[in-house]
Amino acid sequence: MKQIKNLAGQTAIYGLSSILGRFLNYLLVPLHTSVFIPLQFGIITEMYAYVAFLVVFLTYGMETAFFRYNSKEGSDKAAVFSTILISLFISTAVFIFLTVSFRQPIAHWLRYSDFPQYVTWFAIIVGLDAISSIPLAKLRAENRALKFAFVNISNVAVSIGLNVFFLWYCLPMHAKGVHNFFIDTFYNPGIGIGYVFISNLAASVVKFLLLAPEMLKAKIKIISPLLKEMVWYGFPLLIAGLAGIVNETIDRIMIKRMLIDNLGESATLTQLGIYGACYKISIIITLFIQAFRYAAEPFFFSQSTETNAKEIYARVMNYFTIVCFTVFLGTMLYLDFIKHFIRNEDFWAGLGVVPVLLMANVCLGIYYNLSIWYKLTGNTRFGAYISVFGAILTIMINYLTIPVWGYMGAAWATLICYASMVLVSYYFGQKNYRVPYNLKKFFLYFFSSVTLYFISRLNPASSKIAMYGFNTLLLGVFGAIVLFNEFILGKKKEIIQT
């Protein structure tokens, strides 16, 4: 329990930057959905889908390789850091140069020929974020969670501040005919949604500058044998990462590519915007998962030499699933209130995807926990195999369902993919690095949360107050189930065993 309490403390601090930071960032959704129509939000959704691919490609597994080689006994930590950092600097510089040089053809392929500046902005954004990932990893490895939190919160603060300035202040003031120094100097109504991207660009620059002192500590030296070894270690993780991004974002790209000929560009981007906005609600669970991952990955590596490491991993998984199913149930029981997070009612047509995507993200979090077996044993190729399997499954299901069910088909494809990856990872994990996960508790909490959700849908209450009261009672029932199993039955079992 001491190790788990330490992990919980680190998760809480990382959560200050990842959960709080990303939560504050998601507060931009009400702003964006109030000033942009679904068609415009669809463009934002698509562009950030490509960003996810590029960041994984440009880091090519080096973040996890850093943790692996930095934690090795007798390793030269300074050499590991400098080698990876300089390698990323070189590869990123080449990427930015080529992308900017061919920005017009790329913009034409994206069907945004009139906006090649989008390509330039995003090339710089993903380049800076890729380089920044290594000094951020260094902060995590050194348990400097407060500095990590400061950097990420500063990044989010700049992004939110500029979004608010351009879209909440300048845009409506300009529309009313107001003129002053700030509006006349900094605002151009023709940029429109481009201000979302400009705000992100400025935030990435600030994050890079805040991490510059860490990067300047690196020696300007690459140890070629070490780099080669780390690249080979990270290559399967690159494949796994790219496949993972396919699972997470390919649906948004395929929706546009598969529907645009039949529905037209306007209607297709509208569908994409609705799906993208409702997807934001489902990421409530992802906020917790992100904070957990930042703390858990170095924690799992550091505990691998302990005699009771596997028991620790099993207990972590148990508590992790409790939190995830609680968030799932709580979100669905109060969805009628949470939906107002999306300000424009035109987006609410897609709320049917929320429970499907919530459960999909629960499965994704479980998969992240299970994946520790191939990282600890050095069998990272299994991560690539499983992720590629999931990516192929995702593409196939999306290909079959999007033309029929649109974005609802994409949501189910996501759930089926992640659930399948959980099953495959668990099967091979138990063969190669057996961890005594408590499946009885897992299925108890899973079926309890899903059953209580369906019961809530049968709620005959005629008023919202009565509905929320009934749903609160259901959430209390789930809490009672958890408390009974964890503290009453758990204590009894400990007494019997002693």
Foldseek 3Di string as FASTA:
>chain_A
DVLVVVLVVLLVLLLLQQLVLVVLLLLCQQLCLVQDALLVLLVVLVLVLVLLLLLLLLLLQLLLLLLVQCPDPPHDNLQSLQQSLVVSVVSLVVQLVVQLVCLQVVCVVVVNNVCSVSSNLSSLLSSLVNSLSSLLSVCLLVSVSNLNRVLSNQLSCQLVVQCCCARVPLVVCVVVVDDDDCNVPPYDVVCPVVSNSVSNSVSSVSSSVSSVVVNVVHDNDHDVVSSVVSSVLSNLVSLLSSLQSLLVRVLSVCQQVVCCVPPNSSVSSSLSSLLSSLLSLLCSLVSSLVSSVSSVSSSLLVCVPPPCSLQVLQVVLLVSLLVLLLVLLVCLLCVVPVVCSSVDCSSVVPNVLRSLSNLLVSLVSLLSSLVVLCSNVSVSNVSSVLSNVLSVQLVVQSVVPCVPPNVSSNSNSSNVSSNVSNVVSQVVSCVRPNRPHDVVSSVVSVVLSVVLSVVLVVDPDPDPVVSSVSSVVSSVVSVVVVCCVCPVVVVVVVVVVD
